[in-house]
Amino acid sequence: MHESTRRSWQTVSLDVKRLVTVLRVILKFALSPVLRKLLRLPSADATPAERLRLGIEELGLTYLKFGQYLATRFDILPEDVYRQLSRLFENATPLSYDEVKSVVEVELHRPIGKIFAFFDPLPIASASVAQVHEARSHSGERLAVKIQRPGIERIFMADVRNLRRLAALADAMGLLGKISARELINEFSKWTLRELDFRIEGHTAEALRRTATPNEIVPRIEWELTTARVLTMEFLGGVSLAKIADLVDAGKIEEVHALLPHMQFVEASRNLVIASLHQLFVTGLFHGDPHPGNILIRDDNTVGFIDFGIFGELTDYEREMLTGHVENIAFGNVDESFRYYRKFLFPSDDTDLKNFEIEGKSVLRRLYQGMQNPSAPIRDRHLGRYWGEMFGVIRRNRLRMSTDTLLFWRA
């Protein structure tokens, strides 16, 4: 068989195999409630949005990344859907040490023992795209090594081809109205391919490190031990914000202090706020996925950021507009604040601009009033509540936002 023919057959075979996997999961999570009703079985407790999340988690890899991408599209999806997608649990069976060793040695062109004085065979974390191991250099430095799962780019491209076929069908049937499903898939593909090249993540970390605040730590990248599929960086000590929050919620404050004897909650929180605002409003380059697992609190109250595969970047003009929006709402200038906010939105032929202005200003007015009452419950003063309402206004009135602006609000 000719080599090009063989490759074409392998591509078609993989596409079909992945499509069959998707159809199996759809039958399991989408049609099972219908079958339960027909067979007079007890109905499932999960809502449609929950079933969507569970199905995506089972499909893994591309669909997890697609779900995470859609979770940022507050301007398109109903609130219950994007909130469920924001809870996507990305975990995966760890690669064996032999598989990890093979990837490292192929990418770095020498035996793993020549590269590292020590390499822990057990991963620190394991996800759909990569897993992270602790290692030690021959000079004694602690390192974190991120290894990409072998073969995932082939699987990703097969899934994207299938998603493009489904998107073309959705567009032909007008399932998303004036929204182009093909444009969404193309944007998602560029988003994820960027994440699959670890060199881009390394350069993002370097840029954030250069502009970090005094109490913000970003790991140094070891470029001589980094490729598109292996990322080696300085190991950051500390405890994840996720773990601290879990311990605090469980009333185990003493365990937090056992892990971080010198940590002060107020000082560490202040350092985190300053670091985040500096990224968002001063430099414009910011961590696009700052969930509590990607933030470390250190014993000296400094904060560390890890995992830079998703990032956003705002121009000087965009930061100026966002600053104007925030400053004006802080002083109660609702009309002016709304004027700045509207600059980030893209209307369509179906947009009701007049109704958007009425509803949008109402949300901003209630936000300002809530901030003026320090005795009100925190839920009535929480920004998240009002921005959630504002995204509902955007969806109802058929406007869109750029991905970087959506990432800004997510961060």
Protein backbone atom coordinates (compact mmCIF):
# COMPACT_ATOMS: atom_id res chain seq x y z
CA MET A 1 0.00 0.00 0.00
CA HIS A 2 1.31 3.45 -0.91
CA GLU A 3 2.50 5.42 2.16
CA SER A 4 0.12 8.35 1.57
CA THR A 5 -2.80 5.95 1.11
CA ARG A 6 -1.88 4.15 4.31
CA ARG A 7 -1.76 7.43 6.25
CA SER A 8 -5.12 8.51 4.80
CA TRP A 9 -6.67 5.21 5.84
CA GLN A 10 -5.24 5.57 9.36
CA THR A 11 -6.70 9.09 9.57
CA VAL A 12 -10.16 7.94 8.48
CA SER A 13 -9.99 4.96 10.85
CA LEU A 14 -9.09 7.17 13.81
CA ASP A 15 -11.84 9.67 12.94
CA VAL A 16 -14.44 6.90 12.84
CA LYS A 17 -13.17 5.35 16.06
CA ARG A 18 -13.36 8.69 17.90
CA LEU A 19 -16.82 9.43 16.45
CA VAL A 20 -18.11 6.05 17.65
CA THR A 21 -16.78 6.87 21.14
CA VAL A 22 -18.67 10.18 21.12
CA LEU A 23 -21.91 8.53 19.97
CA ARG A 24 -21.59 5.90 22.73
CA VAL A 25 -21.28 8.60 25.40
CA ILE A 26 -24.19 10.57 23.88
CA LEU A 27 -26.35 7.45 24.10
CA LYS A 28 -25.30 6.95 27.69
CA PHE A 29 -25.82 10.48 28.98
CA ALA A 30 -28.28 12.15 26.60
CA LEU A 31 -30.71 9.42 25.59
CA SER A 32 -30.76 7.40 28.81
CA PRO A 33 -33.39 9.68 30.47
CA VAL A 34 -35.65 9.16 27.42
CA LEU A 35 -35.18 5.41 27.61
CA ARG A 36 -35.87 5.47 31.33
CA LYS A 37 -39.17 7.19 30.68
CA LEU A 38 -40.15 4.77 27.91
CA LEU A 39 -39.27 1.80 30.09
CA ARG A 40 -40.97 3.38 33.12
CA LEU A 41 -37.76 3.30 35.12
CA PRO A 42 -36.95 5.84 37.87
CA SER A 43 -35.81 9.09 36.33
CA ALA A 44 -32.22 10.27 36.70
CA ASP A 45 -31.58 13.03 39.21
CA ALA A 46 -29.00 14.80 37.02
CA THR A 47 -30.12 17.88 35.11
CA PRO A 48 -29.36 18.14 31.35
CA ALA A 49 -26.44 20.48 32.16
CA GLU A 50 -25.06 17.98 34.68
CA ARG A 51 -25.37 15.14 32.18
CA LEU A 52 -23.49 17.23 29.64
CA ARG A 53 -20.65 17.76 32.12
CA LEU A 54 -20.51 14.06 33.05
CA GLY A 55 -20.44 13.06 29.39
CA ILE A 56 -17.58 15.47 28.66
CA GLU A 57 -15.62 14.15 31.64
CA GLU A 58 -15.99 10.60 30.32
CA LEU A 59 -14.84 11.58 26.82
CA GLY A 60 -11.72 13.25 28.21
CA LEU A 61 -8.95 15.09 26.32
CA THR A 62 -10.39 17.17 23.45
CA TYR A 63 -13.88 17.33 24.90
CA LEU A 64 -12.62 18.34 28.34
CA LYS A 65 -10.69 21.15 26.69
CA PHE A 66 -13.73 22.06 24.59
CA GLY A 67 -15.88 22.11 27.73
CA GLN A 68 -13.35 24.33 29.48
CA TYR A 69 -13.32 26.64 26.47
CA LEU A 70 -17.12 26.82 26.42
CA ALA A 71 -17.09 27.53 30.18
CA THR A 72 -15.55 30.90 29.32
CA ARG A 73 -18.30 31.72 26.83
CA PHE A 74 -20.63 33.42 29.27
CA ASP A 75 -21.93 35.41 26.31
CA ILE A 76 -23.36 32.34 24.54
CA LEU A 77 -24.28 29.57 26.97
CA PRO A 78 -27.12 29.53 29.52
CA GLU A 79 -25.91 30.12 33.07
CA ASP A 80 -26.65 26.58 34.32
CA VAL A 81 -24.58 25.12 31.46
CA TYR A 82 -21.46 27.25 31.81
CA ARG A 83 -21.54 26.86 35.60
CA GLN A 84 -21.58 23.07 35.18
CA LEU A 85 -18.78 23.25 32.62
CA SER A 86 -16.77 25.39 35.03
CA ARG A 87 -16.82 22.37 37.38
CA LEU A 88 -15.30 19.99 34.84
CA PHE A 89 -13.10 17.54 36.69
CA GLU A 90 -9.93 16.97 34.69
CA ASN A 91 -8.21 13.87 35.94
CA ALA A 92 -6.71 10.90 34.17
CA THR A 93 -5.05 7.57 34.82
CA PRO A 94 -1.34 8.30 35.31
CA LEU A 95 1.13 7.25 32.66
CA SER A 96 3.47 4.48 33.68
CA TYR A 97 7.03 5.41 34.53
CA ASP A 98 8.25 3.62 31.39
CA GLU A 99 5.97 5.79 29.23
CA VAL A 100 7.13 8.96 30.99
CA LYS A 101 10.77 7.93 30.71
CA SER A 102 10.35 7.25 26.99
CA VAL A 103 8.83 10.69 26.28
CA VAL A 104 11.54 12.47 28.29
CA GLU A 105 14.39 10.59 26.65
CA VAL A 106 13.02 11.00 23.10
CA GLU A 107 12.41 14.74 23.60
CA LEU A 108 15.69 15.50 25.40
CA HIS A 109 17.83 13.01 23.44
CA ARG A 110 19.62 11.27 26.31
CA PRO A 111 19.01 8.81 29.16
CA ILE A 112 16.88 10.18 31.99
CA GLY A 113 19.66 9.42 34.48
CA LYS A 114 21.99 11.72 32.56
CA ILE A 115 19.37 14.48 32.58
CA PHE A 116 18.28 14.35 36.25
CA ALA A 117 20.01 13.22 39.44
CA PHE A 118 16.58 12.15 40.70
CA PHE A 119 13.22 11.71 38.98
CA ASP A 120 10.21 10.68 41.06
CA PRO A 121 8.36 7.90 39.19
CA LEU A 122 5.06 8.92 40.86
CA PRO A 123 3.38 12.05 39.44
CA ILE A 124 2.42 15.08 41.51
CA ALA A 125 -0.61 15.59 39.26
CA SER A 126 -2.10 13.80 36.26
CA ALA A 127 -4.53 15.33 33.75
CA SER A 128 -5.78 14.64 30.24
CA VAL A 129 -2.96 16.44 28.43
CA ALA A 130 0.03 16.00 30.72
CA GLN A 131 1.29 14.96 34.11
CA VAL A 132 3.86 16.55 36.41
CA HIS A 133 6.75 14.87 38.23
CA GLU A 134 9.19 16.22 40.76
CA ALA A 135 12.86 15.89 39.83
CA ARG A 136 16.23 17.11 40.99
CA SER A 137 19.06 18.45 38.86
CA HIS A 138 22.64 17.23 39.19
CA SER A 139 23.38 20.54 40.94
CA GLY A 140 20.73 19.75 43.56
CA GLU A 141 17.92 22.07 42.43
CA ARG A 142 14.30 20.90 42.84
CA LEU A 143 12.44 20.85 39.53
CA ALA A 144 8.92 20.23 38.27
CA VAL A 145 8.75 18.38 34.95
CA LYS A 146 5.56 18.45 32.87
CA ILE A 147 5.29 15.59 30.35
CA GLN A 148 2.74 15.50 27.54
CA ARG A 149 0.86 12.25 27.00
CA PRO A 150 2.11 10.50 23.85
CA GLY A 151 -0.15 10.59 20.81
CA ILE A 152 -2.64 13.15 22.11
CA GLU A 153 -2.14 15.58 19.23
CA ARG A 154 -3.29 12.92 16.71
CA ILE A 155 -6.38 12.23 18.83
CA PHE A 156 -7.05 15.94 19.24
CA MET A 157 -6.88 16.58 15.49
CA ALA A 158 -9.24 13.64 14.81
CA ASP A 159 -11.72 15.04 17.34
CA VAL A 160 -11.47 18.52 15.81
CA ARG A 161 -12.18 17.12 12.33
CA ASN A 162 -15.30 15.44 13.72
CA LEU A 163 -16.33 18.60 15.58
CA ARG A 164 -15.96 20.60 12.35
CA ARG A 165 -18.23 18.12 10.55
CA LEU A 166 -20.82 18.45 13.31
CA ALA A 167 -20.41 22.24 13.31
CA ALA A 168 -21.06 22.39 9.55
CA LEU A 169 -24.25 20.41 10.11
CA ALA A 170 -25.29 22.67 13.00
CA ASP A 171 -24.72 25.78 10.87
CA ALA A 172 -26.67 24.30 7.95
CA MET A 173 -29.62 23.61 10.26
CA GLY A 174 -29.31 26.99 12.01
CA LEU A 175 -29.13 25.35 15.45
CA LEU A 176 -27.17 28.26 16.98
CA GLY A 177 -29.02 31.05 15.20
CA LYS A 178 -26.62 33.72 13.95
CA ILE A 179 -23.69 32.20 15.88
CA SER A 180 -21.31 30.24 13.66
CA ALA A 181 -20.50 26.83 15.15
CA ARG A 182 -17.58 26.51 12.73
CA GLU A 183 -16.07 29.77 14.00
CA LEU A 184 -16.36 28.48 17.58
CA ILE A 185 -14.57 25.23 16.67
CA ASN A 186 -11.83 27.09 14.80
CA GLU A 187 -11.25 29.40 17.77
CA PHE A 188 -11.24 26.44 20.16
CA SER A 189 -8.74 24.60 17.94
CA LYS A 190 -6.30 27.54 17.96
CA TRP A 191 -6.80 27.92 21.73
CA THR A 192 -5.95 24.27 22.45
CA LEU A 193 -3.11 23.83 19.95
CA ARG A 194 -1.45 26.75 21.74
CA GLU A 195 -1.80 24.85 25.01
CA LEU A 196 -0.30 21.67 23.50
CA ASP A 197 2.98 23.46 22.72
CA PHE A 198 4.75 23.70 26.08
CA ARG A 199 7.24 26.22 24.69
CA ILE A 200 4.43 28.77 24.48
CA GLU A 201 3.56 28.07 28.12
CA GLY A 202 7.23 28.54 29.04
CA HIS A 203 7.40 31.92 27.29
CA THR A 204 4.18 33.00 29.04
CA ALA A 205 5.67 32.06 32.41
CA GLU A 206 8.83 34.00 31.59
CA ALA A 207 6.85 37.11 30.64
CA LEU A 208 4.79 36.93 33.85
CA ARG A 209 7.96 36.38 35.87
CA ARG A 210 9.61 39.49 34.40
CA THR A 211 6.69 41.71 35.47
CA ALA A 212 5.80 39.98 38.76
CA THR A 213 5.10 42.01 41.89
CA PRO A 214 7.57 41.69 44.83
CA ASN A 215 5.36 39.15 46.63
CA GLU A 216 4.42 37.12 43.53
CA ILE A 217 6.45 34.05 42.48
CA VAL A 218 6.46 32.57 38.98
CA PRO A 219 8.72 29.55 38.38
CA ARG A 220 11.88 29.92 36.33
CA ILE A 221 11.90 27.86 33.11
CA GLU A 222 14.83 25.53 32.43
CA TRP A 223 15.01 26.00 28.67
CA GLU A 224 17.75 23.45 28.05
CA LEU A 225 15.33 20.83 29.44
CA THR A 226 12.20 22.10 27.65
CA THR A 227 10.62 21.15 24.32
CA ALA A 228 7.13 21.28 22.81
CA ARG A 229 6.21 18.18 24.87
CA VAL A 230 8.39 18.47 27.99
CA LEU A 231 8.41 21.55 30.22
CA THR A 232 10.95 21.76 33.03
CA MET A 233 10.75 24.53 35.59
CA GLU A 234 11.73 25.52 39.08
CA PHE A 235 9.76 23.64 41.74
CA LEU A 236 7.68 26.02 43.86
CA GLY A 237 7.08 25.04 47.45
CA GLY A 238 3.83 25.97 49.14
CA VAL A 239 0.27 24.79 49.67
CA SER A 240 -2.43 25.18 47.04
CA LEU A 241 -5.21 27.63 47.75
CA ALA A 242 -7.62 24.75 47.03
CA LYS A 243 -6.20 22.70 49.90
CA ILE A 244 -6.20 25.69 52.27
CA ALA A 245 -9.83 26.46 51.41
CA ASP A 246 -10.84 22.84 52.02
CA LEU A 247 -9.15 22.85 55.43
CA VAL A 248 -10.69 26.19 56.40
CA ASP A 249 -14.16 25.03 55.30
CA ALA A 250 -13.70 21.90 57.43
CA GLY A 251 -12.75 24.03 60.46
CA LYS A 252 -9.18 22.71 60.47
CA ILE A 253 -7.33 26.01 60.80
CA GLU A 254 -4.68 24.36 62.98
CA GLU A 255 -3.74 22.08 60.06
CA VAL A 256 -3.22 25.11 57.83
CA HIS A 257 -0.83 26.58 60.41
CA ALA A 258 0.93 23.23 60.73
CA LEU A 259 1.64 23.31 57.00
CA LEU A 260 2.45 27.05 56.90
CA PRO A 261 3.51 28.16 60.42
CA HIS A 262 4.25 31.78 59.43
CA MET A 263 1.40 32.35 57.01
CA GLN A 264 -0.95 35.22 57.82
CA PHE A 265 -4.32 35.05 56.07
CA VAL A 266 -4.73 38.82 55.61
CA GLU A 267 -1.21 39.39 54.29
CA ALA A 268 -1.29 36.41 51.93
CA SER A 269 -4.74 37.44 50.62
CA ARG A 270 -3.54 41.00 50.06
CA ASN A 271 -0.51 39.76 48.12
CA LEU A 272 -2.76 37.59 45.94
CA VAL A 273 -5.12 40.50 45.22
CA ILE A 274 -2.26 42.86 44.32
CA ALA A 275 -0.60 40.26 42.07
CA SER A 276 -3.87 39.55 40.25
CA LEU A 277 -4.81 43.20 39.77
CA HIS A 278 -1.28 43.97 38.57
CA GLN A 279 -1.60 41.30 35.86
CA LEU A 280 -5.09 42.42 34.84
CA PHE A 281 -4.74 46.20 34.89
CA VAL A 282 -1.03 47.05 34.69
CA THR A 283 0.75 44.55 32.44
CA GLY A 284 -2.29 43.15 30.60
CA LEU A 285 -0.76 39.66 30.40
CA PHE A 286 -2.58 37.48 32.92
CA HIS A 287 -3.07 33.92 34.08
CA GLY A 288 -6.22 32.78 32.30
CA ASP A 289 -7.04 29.84 34.57
CA PRO A 290 -6.33 30.98 38.14
CA HIS A 291 -8.43 28.36 39.91
CA PRO A 292 -7.38 27.53 43.51
CA GLY A 293 -5.32 24.53 42.40
CA ASN A 294 -3.08 26.78 40.30
CA ILE A 295 -2.31 29.21 43.13
CA LEU A 296 0.19 28.38 45.89
CA ILE A 297 0.42 30.14 49.23
CA ARG A 298 3.92 30.05 50.69
CA ASP A 299 5.07 30.23 54.29
CA ASP A 300 6.46 33.76 53.82
CA ASN A 301 3.00 34.93 52.60
CA THR A 302 4.12 35.23 49.00
CA VAL A 303 1.86 33.71 46.33
CA GLY A 304 2.97 31.42 43.53
CA PHE A 305 1.28 30.86 40.17
CA ILE A 306 1.63 27.60 38.21
CA ASP A 307 0.25 26.12 34.97
CA PHE A 308 0.29 28.83 32.29
CA GLY A 309 -1.26 26.91 29.38
CA ILE A 310 -4.25 29.27 29.37
CA PHE A 311 -3.47 32.98 29.40
CA GLY A 312 -5.06 36.22 28.28
CA GLU A 313 -3.60 39.44 26.96
CA LEU A 314 -5.20 42.88 26.85
CA THR A 315 -4.03 45.89 24.86
CA ASP A 316 -3.33 49.27 26.45
CA TYR A 317 -6.64 50.50 25.04
CA GLU A 318 -8.58 47.56 26.49
CA ARG A 319 -7.04 48.06 29.93
CA GLU A 320 -7.86 51.77 29.77
CA MET A 321 -11.49 50.97 28.93
CA LEU A 322 -11.76 48.40 31.73
CA THR A 323 -10.21 50.83 34.19
CA GLY A 324 -12.73 53.47 33.16
CA HIS A 325 -15.57 51.02 33.65
CA VAL A 326 -14.43 49.98 37.14
CA GLU A 327 -13.53 53.49 38.32
CA ASN A 328 -16.87 54.94 37.26
CA ILE A 329 -18.97 52.24 38.91
CA ALA A 330 -16.93 52.74 42.11
CA PHE A 331 -18.03 56.40 42.12
CA GLY A 332 -21.62 55.63 41.13
CA ASN A 333 -21.34 57.03 37.60
CA VAL A 334 -23.56 54.33 36.13
CA ASP A 335 -24.10 55.92 32.70
CA GLU A 336 -20.36 56.45 32.15
CA SER A 337 -19.48 53.01 33.49
CA PHE A 338 -21.95 51.43 31.08
CA ARG A 339 -20.47 53.43 28.18
CA TYR A 340 -17.05 51.92 28.86
CA TYR A 341 -18.49 48.42 29.32
CA ARG A 342 -20.33 48.54 26.01
CA LYS A 343 -17.05 49.07 24.13
CA PHE A 344 -16.17 45.39 24.74
CA LEU A 345 -19.31 44.02 23.15
CA PHE A 346 -20.07 43.11 19.55
CA PRO A 347 -23.70 43.53 18.48
CA SER A 348 -25.39 41.39 15.83
CA ASP A 349 -28.39 41.95 13.58
CA ASP A 350 -30.56 40.52 16.38
CA THR A 351 -29.19 42.78 19.13
CA ASP A 352 -31.66 44.92 21.05
CA LEU A 353 -29.31 47.75 22.07
CA LYS A 354 -32.01 49.81 23.78
CA ASN A 355 -33.13 46.95 25.99
CA PHE A 356 -29.51 46.02 26.68
CA GLU A 357 -28.87 49.55 27.92
CA ILE A 358 -31.92 49.51 30.20
CA GLU A 359 -31.14 46.08 31.69
CA GLY A 360 -27.36 46.63 31.85
CA LYS A 361 -27.61 49.93 33.70
CA SER A 362 -30.07 48.36 36.13
CA VAL A 363 -27.49 45.69 37.02
CA LEU A 364 -24.73 48.28 37.46
CA ARG A 365 -26.98 50.47 39.58
CA ARG A 366 -27.75 47.57 41.94
CA LEU A 367 -24.03 46.70 42.07
CA TYR A 368 -23.19 50.23 43.21
CA GLN A 369 -26.01 50.27 45.76
CA GLY A 370 -24.87 46.93 47.15
CA MET A 371 -21.32 48.22 47.59
CA GLN A 372 -22.62 51.22 49.55
CA ASN A 373 -24.06 49.05 52.32
CA PRO A 374 -21.20 47.45 54.31
CA SER A 375 -23.69 45.73 56.62
CA ALA A 376 -25.40 43.87 53.77
CA PRO A 377 -24.72 40.12 53.43
CA ILE A 378 -21.59 39.36 51.43
CA ARG A 379 -23.68 37.64 48.73
CA ASP A 380 -25.41 40.97 48.09
CA ARG A 381 -22.06 42.73 47.63
CA HIS A 382 -20.21 40.03 45.70
CA LEU A 383 -19.09 41.10 42.23
CA GLY A 384 -19.63 37.59 40.87
CA ARG A 385 -23.37 37.86 41.45
CA TYR A 386 -23.69 41.04 39.40
CA TRP A 387 -21.37 39.99 36.58
CA GLY A 388 -23.36 36.77 36.32
CA GLU A 389 -26.50 38.88 35.92
CA MET A 390 -24.76 41.08 33.35
CA PHE A 391 -23.77 38.08 31.24
CA GLY A 392 -27.42 37.02 31.32
CA VAL A 393 -28.33 40.45 29.96
CA ILE A 394 -25.70 40.06 27.23
CA ARG A 395 -27.05 36.66 26.17
CA ARG A 396 -30.70 37.78 26.14
CA ASN A 397 -29.88 40.75 23.97
CA ARG A 398 -27.62 38.80 21.59
CA LEU A 399 -24.22 40.44 22.04
CA ARG A 400 -20.75 38.82 22.03
CA MET A 401 -17.37 39.40 23.70
CA SER A 402 -13.81 38.60 22.64
CA THR A 403 -12.14 35.56 24.22
CA ASP A 404 -9.51 37.66 26.00
CA THR A 405 -12.19 39.88 27.55
CA LEU A 406 -14.12 36.81 28.71
CA LEU A 407 -10.91 35.42 30.21
CA PHE A 408 -10.44 38.75 32.01
CA TRP A 409 -13.81 38.43 33.73
CA ARG A 410 -13.18 34.77 34.49
CA ALA A 411 -9.83 35.63 36.10
